[in-house]
């Protein structure tokens, strides 16, 4: 059994958020990626299209998830499911930080509004 301690998670910062990578190919996973996402208060997320399904479980605070144009508030204990190919953005309009646990499969890519694609380090 593998255990990843919080102190061993690798932090990446992008677009006003911090991604604490716990599970990825770089840490030995062949199929899954998982990270804790921290979204600062007042953060407007960058819309992007995802190549793989994502599941976000809000741990603290609340976030606004916009999936294919439909925006909804996701609160602590609730889950947002993002289908593969969906256009997705995540905002924190509150005055407090929010956190979420995110899972996806290896190989996720995000296509940004300008047409460029990224393969984030927390999924490699």
N, C-alpha and C. Protein backbone atom coordinates (compact mmCIF):
# COMPACT_ATOMS: atom_id res chain seq x y z
N UNK A 1 0.84 -1.18 0.00
CA UNK A 1 0.00 0.00 0.00
C UNK A 1 0.88 1.25 0.00
N UNK A 2 0.56 2.18 -0.86
CA UNK A 2 1.30 3.44 -0.94
C UNK A 2 0.53 4.54 -0.21
N UNK A 3 1.26 5.28 0.56
CA UNK A 3 0.68 6.42 1.27
C UNK A 3 1.49 7.65 0.90
N UNK A 4 0.80 8.71 0.50
CA UNK A 4 1.46 9.98 0.19
C UNK A 4 1.11 10.95 1.30
N UNK A 5 2.11 11.38 2.02
CA UNK A 5 1.92 12.32 3.12
C UNK A 5 1.72 13.72 2.54
N UNK A 6 0.96 14.53 3.26
CA UNK A 6 0.72 15.90 2.80
C UNK A 6 2.04 16.63 2.55
N UNK A 7 3.01 16.41 3.39
CA UNK A 7 4.30 17.10 3.23
C UNK A 7 5.02 16.68 1.95
N UNK A 8 4.64 15.53 1.37
CA UNK A 8 5.29 15.03 0.16
C UNK A 8 4.55 15.41 -1.13
N UNK A 9 3.38 16.00 -1.00
CA UNK A 9 2.64 16.44 -2.19
C UNK A 9 3.42 17.57 -2.86
N UNK A 10 3.43 17.56 -4.17
CA UNK A 10 4.16 18.57 -4.94
C UNK A 10 3.20 19.69 -5.32
N UNK A 11 3.55 20.92 -4.94
CA UNK A 11 2.69 22.07 -5.21
C UNK A 11 3.04 22.73 -6.54
N UNK A 12 2.00 23.05 -7.31
CA UNK A 12 2.13 23.77 -8.57
C UNK A 12 1.16 24.94 -8.51
N UNK A 13 1.58 26.10 -9.02
CA UNK A 13 0.70 27.27 -9.01
C UNK A 13 0.39 27.67 -10.45
N UNK A 14 -0.89 27.95 -10.69
CA UNK A 14 -1.32 28.36 -12.03
C UNK A 14 -2.64 29.11 -11.92
N UNK A 15 -2.74 30.26 -12.57
CA UNK A 15 -3.98 31.04 -12.67
C UNK A 15 -4.61 31.33 -11.31
N UNK A 16 -3.80 31.67 -10.30
CA UNK A 16 -4.34 32.04 -9.00
C UNK A 16 -4.71 30.88 -8.10
N UNK A 17 -4.41 29.67 -8.52
CA UNK A 17 -4.73 28.49 -7.71
C UNK A 17 -3.46 27.68 -7.45
N UNK A 18 -3.52 26.85 -6.41
CA UNK A 18 -2.41 25.95 -6.10
C UNK A 18 -2.92 24.52 -6.20
N UNK A 19 -2.17 23.69 -6.91
CA UNK A 19 -2.50 22.29 -7.14
C UNK A 19 -1.48 21.45 -6.38
N UNK A 20 -1.93 20.74 -5.35
CA UNK A 20 -1.05 19.88 -4.55
C UNK A 20 -1.20 18.45 -5.08
N UNK A 21 -0.24 18.02 -5.86
CA UNK A 21 -0.30 16.72 -6.52
C UNK A 21 0.07 15.59 -5.56
N UNK A 22 -0.86 14.64 -5.40
CA UNK A 22 -0.65 13.48 -4.55
C UNK A 22 -0.43 12.22 -5.38
N UNK A 23 -1.15 12.08 -6.49
CA UNK A 23 -1.06 10.88 -7.33
C UNK A 23 -0.95 11.31 -8.79
N UNK A 24 0.08 10.81 -9.47
CA UNK A 24 0.32 11.13 -10.88
C UNK A 24 1.34 10.12 -11.41
N UNK A 25 1.51 10.04 -12.71
CA UNK A 25 2.54 9.14 -13.24
C UNK A 25 3.92 9.42 -12.64
N UNK A 26 4.22 10.68 -12.37
CA UNK A 26 5.53 11.02 -11.79
C UNK A 26 5.72 10.43 -10.40
N UNK A 27 4.60 10.05 -9.74
CA UNK A 27 4.70 9.43 -8.42
C UNK A 27 4.35 7.95 -8.45
N UNK A 28 4.25 7.38 -9.67
CA UNK A 28 4.08 5.94 -9.79
C UNK A 28 2.72 5.45 -10.26
N UNK A 29 1.77 6.34 -10.49
CA UNK A 29 0.44 5.92 -10.93
C UNK A 29 0.43 5.64 -12.43
N UNK A 30 -0.26 4.58 -12.81
CA UNK A 30 -0.38 4.24 -14.23
C UNK A 30 -1.71 4.73 -14.81
N UNK A 31 -2.72 4.93 -13.97
CA UNK A 31 -4.05 5.25 -14.49
C UNK A 31 -4.71 6.50 -13.92
N UNK A 32 -4.41 6.85 -12.67
CA UNK A 32 -5.14 7.92 -12.00
C UNK A 32 -4.25 9.09 -11.61
N UNK A 33 -4.89 10.26 -11.51
CA UNK A 33 -4.24 11.46 -10.97
C UNK A 33 -5.18 12.04 -9.92
N UNK A 34 -4.62 12.56 -8.85
CA UNK A 34 -5.43 13.17 -7.79
C UNK A 34 -4.63 14.28 -7.14
N UNK A 35 -5.34 15.38 -6.86
CA UNK A 35 -4.69 16.51 -6.24
C UNK A 35 -5.69 17.28 -5.39
N UNK A 36 -5.14 18.06 -4.45
CA UNK A 36 -5.95 18.98 -3.67
C UNK A 36 -5.77 20.36 -4.30
N UNK A 37 -6.86 20.97 -4.64
CA UNK A 37 -6.86 22.28 -5.29
C UNK A 37 -7.21 23.35 -4.26
N UNK A 38 -6.42 24.40 -4.21
CA UNK A 38 -6.71 25.56 -3.36
C UNK A 38 -6.99 26.74 -4.28
N UNK A 39 -8.15 27.35 -4.12
CA UNK A 39 -8.54 28.49 -4.95
C UNK A 39 -8.67 29.71 -4.05
N UNK A 40 -7.87 30.72 -4.35
CA UNK A 40 -7.86 31.94 -3.53
C UNK A 40 -9.17 32.71 -3.69
N UNK A 41 -9.54 33.47 -2.66
CA UNK A 41 -10.75 34.29 -2.75
C UNK A 41 -10.67 35.24 -3.95
N UNK A 42 -11.80 35.45 -4.60
CA UNK A 42 -11.86 36.40 -5.71
C UNK A 42 -11.21 35.91 -7.00
N UNK A 43 -10.95 34.61 -7.09
CA UNK A 43 -10.30 34.07 -8.29
C UNK A 43 -11.34 33.77 -9.37
N UNK A 44 -11.06 34.27 -10.58
CA UNK A 44 -11.86 33.92 -11.75
C UNK A 44 -11.05 32.91 -12.55
N UNK A 45 -11.60 31.73 -12.72
CA UNK A 45 -10.89 30.67 -13.42
C UNK A 45 -10.81 30.91 -14.91
N UNK A 46 -9.83 30.29 -15.53
CA UNK A 46 -9.65 30.37 -16.98
C UNK A 46 -10.47 29.25 -17.62
N UNK A 47 -11.41 29.60 -18.49
CA UNK A 47 -12.18 28.55 -19.16
C UNK A 47 -11.26 27.68 -20.00
N UNK A 48 -11.52 26.39 -19.98
CA UNK A 48 -10.71 25.45 -20.76
C UNK A 48 -11.55 24.22 -21.07
N UNK A 49 -11.16 23.52 -22.10
CA UNK A 49 -11.85 22.28 -22.49
C UNK A 49 -10.97 21.12 -22.04
N UNK A 50 -11.56 20.16 -21.31
CA UNK A 50 -10.79 19.04 -20.77
C UNK A 50 -10.92 17.81 -21.67
N UNK A 51 -9.84 17.07 -21.77
CA UNK A 51 -9.82 15.88 -22.63
C UNK A 51 -10.25 14.61 -21.90
N UNK A 52 -10.31 14.67 -20.58
CA UNK A 52 -10.69 13.52 -19.75
C UNK A 52 -11.74 13.96 -18.74
N UNK A 53 -12.48 13.01 -18.21
CA UNK A 53 -13.42 13.31 -17.14
C UNK A 53 -12.66 13.77 -15.90
N UNK A 54 -13.29 14.68 -15.16
CA UNK A 54 -12.76 15.13 -13.88
C UNK A 54 -13.88 15.09 -12.85
N UNK A 55 -13.51 14.80 -11.62
CA UNK A 55 -14.45 14.83 -10.49
C UNK A 55 -13.84 15.74 -9.44
N UNK A 56 -14.61 16.74 -8.99
CA UNK A 56 -14.15 17.68 -7.98
C UNK A 56 -15.07 17.60 -6.77
N UNK A 57 -14.53 17.25 -5.63
CA UNK A 57 -15.24 17.21 -4.35
C UNK A 57 -14.82 18.44 -3.55
N UNK A 58 -15.74 19.35 -3.29
CA UNK A 58 -15.40 20.54 -2.52
C UNK A 58 -15.21 20.16 -1.06
N UNK A 59 -14.04 20.52 -0.53
CA UNK A 59 -13.69 20.21 0.87
C UNK A 59 -14.01 21.36 1.80
N UNK A 60 -13.71 22.59 1.36
CA UNK A 60 -13.98 23.78 2.17
C UNK A 60 -14.45 24.90 1.25
N UNK A 61 -15.26 25.78 1.81
CA UNK A 61 -15.74 26.93 1.05
C UNK A 61 -16.76 26.53 0.00
N UNK A 62 -16.85 27.35 -1.03
CA UNK A 62 -17.73 27.05 -2.15
C UNK A 62 -17.12 27.60 -3.42
N UNK A 63 -17.42 26.95 -4.52
CA UNK A 63 -16.87 27.32 -5.82
C UNK A 63 -18.00 27.39 -6.84
N UNK A 64 -17.83 28.21 -7.84
CA UNK A 64 -18.78 28.25 -8.95
C UNK A 64 -18.17 27.47 -10.10
N UNK A 65 -18.81 26.38 -10.46
CA UNK A 65 -18.36 25.56 -11.58
C UNK A 65 -19.22 25.89 -12.79
N UNK A 66 -18.59 26.25 -13.89
CA UNK A 66 -19.30 26.49 -15.14
C UNK A 66 -18.90 25.38 -16.10
N UNK A 67 -19.88 24.56 -16.45
CA UNK A 67 -19.63 23.40 -17.31
C UNK A 67 -20.52 23.56 -18.54
N UNK A 68 -19.87 23.70 -19.69
CA UNK A 68 -20.58 23.92 -20.96
C UNK A 68 -21.62 25.03 -20.83
N UNK A 69 -21.23 26.14 -20.20
CA UNK A 69 -22.07 27.33 -20.12
C UNK A 69 -23.04 27.37 -18.96
N UNK A 70 -23.20 26.28 -18.24
CA UNK A 70 -24.13 26.25 -17.10
C UNK A 70 -23.33 26.43 -15.80
N UNK A 71 -23.60 27.53 -15.10
CA UNK A 71 -22.89 27.83 -13.85
C UNK A 71 -23.72 27.38 -12.66
N UNK A 72 -23.05 26.78 -11.68
CA UNK A 72 -23.73 26.38 -10.45
C UNK A 72 -22.76 26.46 -9.29
N UNK A 73 -23.29 26.76 -8.11
CA UNK A 73 -22.47 26.81 -6.91
C UNK A 73 -22.31 25.41 -6.35
N UNK A 74 -21.07 25.06 -6.03
CA UNK A 74 -20.77 23.75 -5.45
C UNK A 74 -20.21 24.01 -4.05
N UNK A 75 -20.87 23.44 -3.05
CA UNK A 75 -20.51 23.68 -1.66
C UNK A 75 -19.80 22.48 -1.04
N UNK A 76 -19.27 22.69 0.16
CA UNK A 76 -18.56 21.64 0.89
C UNK A 76 -19.39 20.36 0.89
N UNK A 77 -18.73 19.26 0.51
CA UNK A 77 -19.38 17.96 0.49
C UNK A 77 -20.09 17.64 -0.81
N UNK A 78 -20.14 18.60 -1.73
CA UNK A 78 -20.78 18.37 -3.02
C UNK A 78 -19.74 18.14 -4.10
N UNK A 79 -20.17 17.49 -5.17
CA UNK A 79 -19.26 17.09 -6.25
C UNK A 79 -19.69 17.73 -7.56
N UNK A 80 -18.70 18.19 -8.32
CA UNK A 80 -18.93 18.61 -9.71
C UNK A 80 -18.29 17.56 -10.60
N UNK A 81 -19.06 17.08 -11.56
CA UNK A 81 -18.54 16.12 -12.55
C UNK A 81 -18.38 16.86 -13.87
N UNK A 82 -17.17 16.80 -14.42
CA UNK A 82 -16.87 17.46 -15.69
C UNK A 82 -16.66 16.39 -16.74
N UNK A 83 -17.56 16.28 -17.72
CA UNK A 83 -17.40 15.25 -18.76
C UNK A 83 -16.21 15.56 -19.66
N UNK A 84 -15.63 14.54 -20.23
CA UNK A 84 -14.56 14.72 -21.22
C UNK A 84 -15.10 15.55 -22.36
N UNK A 85 -14.32 16.53 -22.80
CA UNK A 85 -14.72 17.39 -23.91
C UNK A 85 -15.50 18.61 -23.49
N UNK A 86 -15.86 18.72 -22.21
CA UNK A 86 -16.64 19.86 -21.74
C UNK A 86 -15.76 21.10 -21.60
N UNK A 87 -16.39 22.26 -21.79
CA UNK A 87 -15.73 23.53 -21.50
C UNK A 87 -16.00 23.81 -20.02
N UNK A 88 -14.94 24.14 -19.28
CA UNK A 88 -15.02 24.18 -17.82
C UNK A 88 -14.27 25.37 -17.27
N UNK A 89 -14.85 26.01 -16.26
CA UNK A 89 -14.17 27.06 -15.50
C UNK A 89 -14.59 26.93 -14.04
N UNK A 90 -13.70 27.33 -13.15
CA UNK A 90 -13.95 27.24 -11.72
C UNK A 90 -13.59 28.57 -11.09
N UNK A 91 -14.57 29.22 -10.45
CA UNK A 91 -14.37 30.52 -9.83
C UNK A 91 -14.60 30.43 -8.33
N UNK A 92 -13.89 31.30 -7.61
CA UNK A 92 -14.15 31.48 -6.18
C UNK A 92 -14.52 32.94 -5.98
N UNK A 93 -15.81 33.24 -5.95
CA UNK A 93 -16.26 34.62 -5.80
C UNK A 93 -16.40 35.02 -4.33
N UNK A 94 -16.17 34.08 -3.44
CA UNK A 94 -16.29 34.35 -2.00
C UNK A 94 -15.07 35.11 -1.49
N UNK A 95 -15.15 35.55 -0.24
CA UNK A 95 -14.02 36.26 0.36
C UNK A 95 -13.16 35.35 1.23
N UNK A 96 -13.32 34.05 1.05
CA UNK A 96 -12.52 33.05 1.78
C UNK A 96 -11.99 32.03 0.78
N UNK A 97 -10.84 31.42 1.09
CA UNK A 97 -10.31 30.39 0.19
C UNK A 97 -11.25 29.18 0.13
N UNK A 98 -11.13 28.42 -0.93
CA UNK A 98 -11.88 27.18 -1.08
C UNK A 98 -10.90 26.08 -1.49
N UNK A 99 -11.21 24.85 -1.10
CA UNK A 99 -10.38 23.73 -1.50
C UNK A 99 -11.26 22.62 -2.06
N UNK A 100 -10.67 21.83 -2.94
CA UNK A 100 -11.38 20.69 -3.53
C UNK A 100 -10.40 19.57 -3.77
N UNK A 101 -10.92 18.35 -3.73
CA UNK A 101 -10.14 17.15 -4.09
C UNK A 101 -10.54 16.81 -5.52
N UNK A 102 -9.56 16.67 -6.40
CA UNK A 102 -9.83 16.46 -7.81
C UNK A 102 -9.20 15.16 -8.27
N UNK A 103 -9.96 14.40 -9.05
CA UNK A 103 -9.42 13.17 -9.65
C UNK A 103 -9.72 13.17 -11.14
N UNK A 104 -8.83 12.54 -11.88
CA UNK A 104 -8.98 12.36 -13.32
C UNK A 104 -8.11 11.18 -13.72
N UNK A 105 -8.07 10.91 -15.00
CA UNK A 105 -7.22 9.83 -15.47
C UNK A 105 -5.96 10.42 -16.13
N UNK A 106 -4.94 9.60 -16.19
CA UNK A 106 -3.66 10.00 -16.80
C UNK A 106 -3.93 10.44 -18.24
N UNK A 107 -3.25 11.47 -18.66
CA UNK A 107 -3.35 11.93 -20.04
C UNK A 107 -4.22 13.15 -20.23
N UNK A 108 -4.77 13.71 -19.14
CA UNK A 108 -5.61 14.89 -19.26
C UNK A 108 -4.85 16.03 -19.93
N UNK A 109 -5.50 16.67 -20.87
CA UNK A 109 -5.00 17.91 -21.46
C UNK A 109 -6.10 18.95 -21.38
N UNK A 110 -5.71 20.21 -21.32
CA UNK A 110 -6.66 21.30 -21.27
C UNK A 110 -6.40 22.21 -22.47
N UNK A 111 -7.45 22.52 -23.21
CA UNK A 111 -7.34 23.45 -24.33
C UNK A 111 -7.87 24.80 -23.86
N UNK A 112 -7.01 25.82 -23.97
CA UNK A 112 -7.33 27.16 -23.50
C UNK A 112 -8.09 27.94 -24.57
N UNK A 113 -8.68 29.09 -24.20
CA UNK A 113 -9.48 29.86 -25.16
C UNK A 113 -8.72 30.27 -26.42
N UNK A 114 -7.40 30.43 -26.33
CA UNK A 114 -6.63 30.83 -27.51
C UNK A 114 -6.29 29.64 -28.41
N UNK A 115 -6.75 28.44 -28.04
CA UNK A 115 -6.50 27.25 -28.84
C UNK A 115 -5.27 26.46 -28.44
N UNK A 116 -4.45 27.03 -27.54
CA UNK A 116 -3.27 26.31 -27.08
C UNK A 116 -3.69 25.22 -26.09
N UNK A 117 -2.87 24.19 -25.98
CA UNK A 117 -3.15 23.09 -25.06
C UNK A 117 -2.04 22.97 -24.04
N UNK A 118 -2.42 22.56 -22.85
CA UNK A 118 -1.42 22.28 -21.82
C UNK A 118 -1.69 20.90 -21.24
N UNK A 119 -0.61 20.25 -20.88
CA UNK A 119 -0.66 19.02 -20.10
C UNK A 119 -0.05 19.38 -18.75
N UNK A 120 -0.88 19.68 -17.76
CA UNK A 120 -0.36 20.18 -16.49
C UNK A 120 0.59 19.18 -15.82
N UNK A 121 1.59 19.69 -15.11
CA UNK A 121 2.55 18.80 -14.46
C UNK A 121 1.93 17.88 -13.43
N UNK A 122 0.79 18.27 -12.83
CA UNK A 122 0.16 17.40 -11.81
C UNK A 122 -0.59 16.22 -12.42
N UNK A 123 -0.60 16.08 -13.75
CA UNK A 123 -1.18 14.89 -14.39
C UNK A 123 -0.14 14.12 -15.20
N UNK A 124 1.12 14.49 -15.04
CA UNK A 124 2.20 13.79 -15.76
C UNK A 124 3.10 13.05 -14.81
